[in-house]
Amino acid sequence: MKSVACPRCGKLSPFTPENKWRPFCSERCKMIDLGAWAAESYRVPAEEKGSEQISPDAADPSDDR
């Protein structure tokens, strides 16, 4: 039987169809994680704009005005 660490508490839990909360170890850990997701606690860092990006105001070099 394959066991994985619960993403919430780290406790080993069986990764089988019998574990209805997989990959979590319990309904409690699953609901805590769902609450954090719903509250937008999980964030992916955004890339900061670098100086290499062209501003929208920049003139198009192919523009023959």
Protein backbone atom coordinates (compact mmCIF):
# COMPACT_ATOMS: atom_id res chain seq x y z
CA MET A 1 0.00 0.00 0.00
CA LYS A 2 1.38 3.40 -1.00
CA SER A 3 1.44 6.10 1.68
CA VAL A 4 1.85 9.81 1.08
CA ALA A 5 2.37 12.73 3.42
CA CYS A 6 -0.80 14.72 4.09
CA PRO A 7 -0.35 18.13 2.41
CA ARG A 8 -1.82 19.82 5.51
CA CYS A 9 -0.25 18.12 8.55
CA GLY A 10 2.43 15.84 7.09
CA LYS A 11 1.04 12.64 8.63
CA LEU A 12 1.39 9.57 6.41
CA SER A 13 -1.91 8.50 4.91
CA PRO A 14 -2.80 5.67 2.54
CA PHE A 15 -3.17 6.71 -1.08
CA THR A 16 -5.86 4.18 -1.95
CA PRO A 17 -9.48 4.40 -3.10
CA GLU A 18 -10.54 3.43 0.43
CA ASN A 19 -9.17 6.75 1.76
CA LYS A 20 -11.98 9.07 0.67
CA TRP A 21 -9.99 12.16 1.73
CA ARG A 22 -6.83 11.38 -0.23
CA PRO A 23 -4.26 12.87 -0.43
CA PHE A 24 -5.30 14.22 2.99
CA CYS A 25 -5.27 12.06 6.10
CA SER A 26 -8.69 13.15 7.34
CA GLU A 27 -11.76 15.21 6.56
CA ARG A 28 -10.46 17.84 9.00
CA CYS A 29 -7.23 18.40 7.05
CA LYS A 30 -9.18 18.46 3.78
CA MET A 31 -11.58 21.13 5.10
CA ILE A 32 -8.77 23.27 6.55
CA ASP A 33 -7.05 23.20 3.16
CA LEU A 34 -10.30 24.01 1.35
CA GLY A 35 -10.88 26.96 3.69
CA ALA A 36 -7.38 28.31 3.01
CA TRP A 37 -7.99 27.96 -0.73
CA ALA A 38 -11.38 29.70 -0.52
CA ALA A 39 -9.84 32.54 1.51
CA GLU A 40 -7.22 32.93 -1.24
CA SER A 41 -4.36 32.17 1.16
CA TYR A 42 -2.50 30.28 -1.55
CA ARG A 43 -0.70 32.63 -3.93
CA VAL A 44 1.59 32.16 -6.89
CA PRO A 45 4.24 34.89 -7.01
CA ALA A 46 3.85 37.16 -10.01
CA GLU A 47 6.75 38.12 -12.20
CA GLU A 48 7.82 41.71 -11.78
CA LYS A 49 8.08 43.78 -14.91
CA GLY A 50 11.68 44.17 -15.97
CA SER A 51 13.29 47.02 -17.83
CA GLU A 52 13.43 44.80 -20.92
CA GLN A 53 9.70 44.96 -21.51
CA ILE A 54 8.39 47.54 -23.95
CA SER A 55 5.89 50.02 -22.59
CA PRO A 56 2.57 50.30 -24.38
CA ASP A 57 3.40 53.96 -25.19
CA ALA A 58 6.53 53.06 -27.14
CA ALA A 59 6.40 53.80 -30.84
CA ASP A 60 6.34 50.91 -33.27
CA PRO A 61 9.64 50.95 -35.24
CA SER A 62 7.81 49.68 -38.32
CA ASP A 63 5.46 52.66 -38.20
CA ASP A 64 6.38 55.05 -41.08
CA ARG A 65 4.90 58.29 -39.85
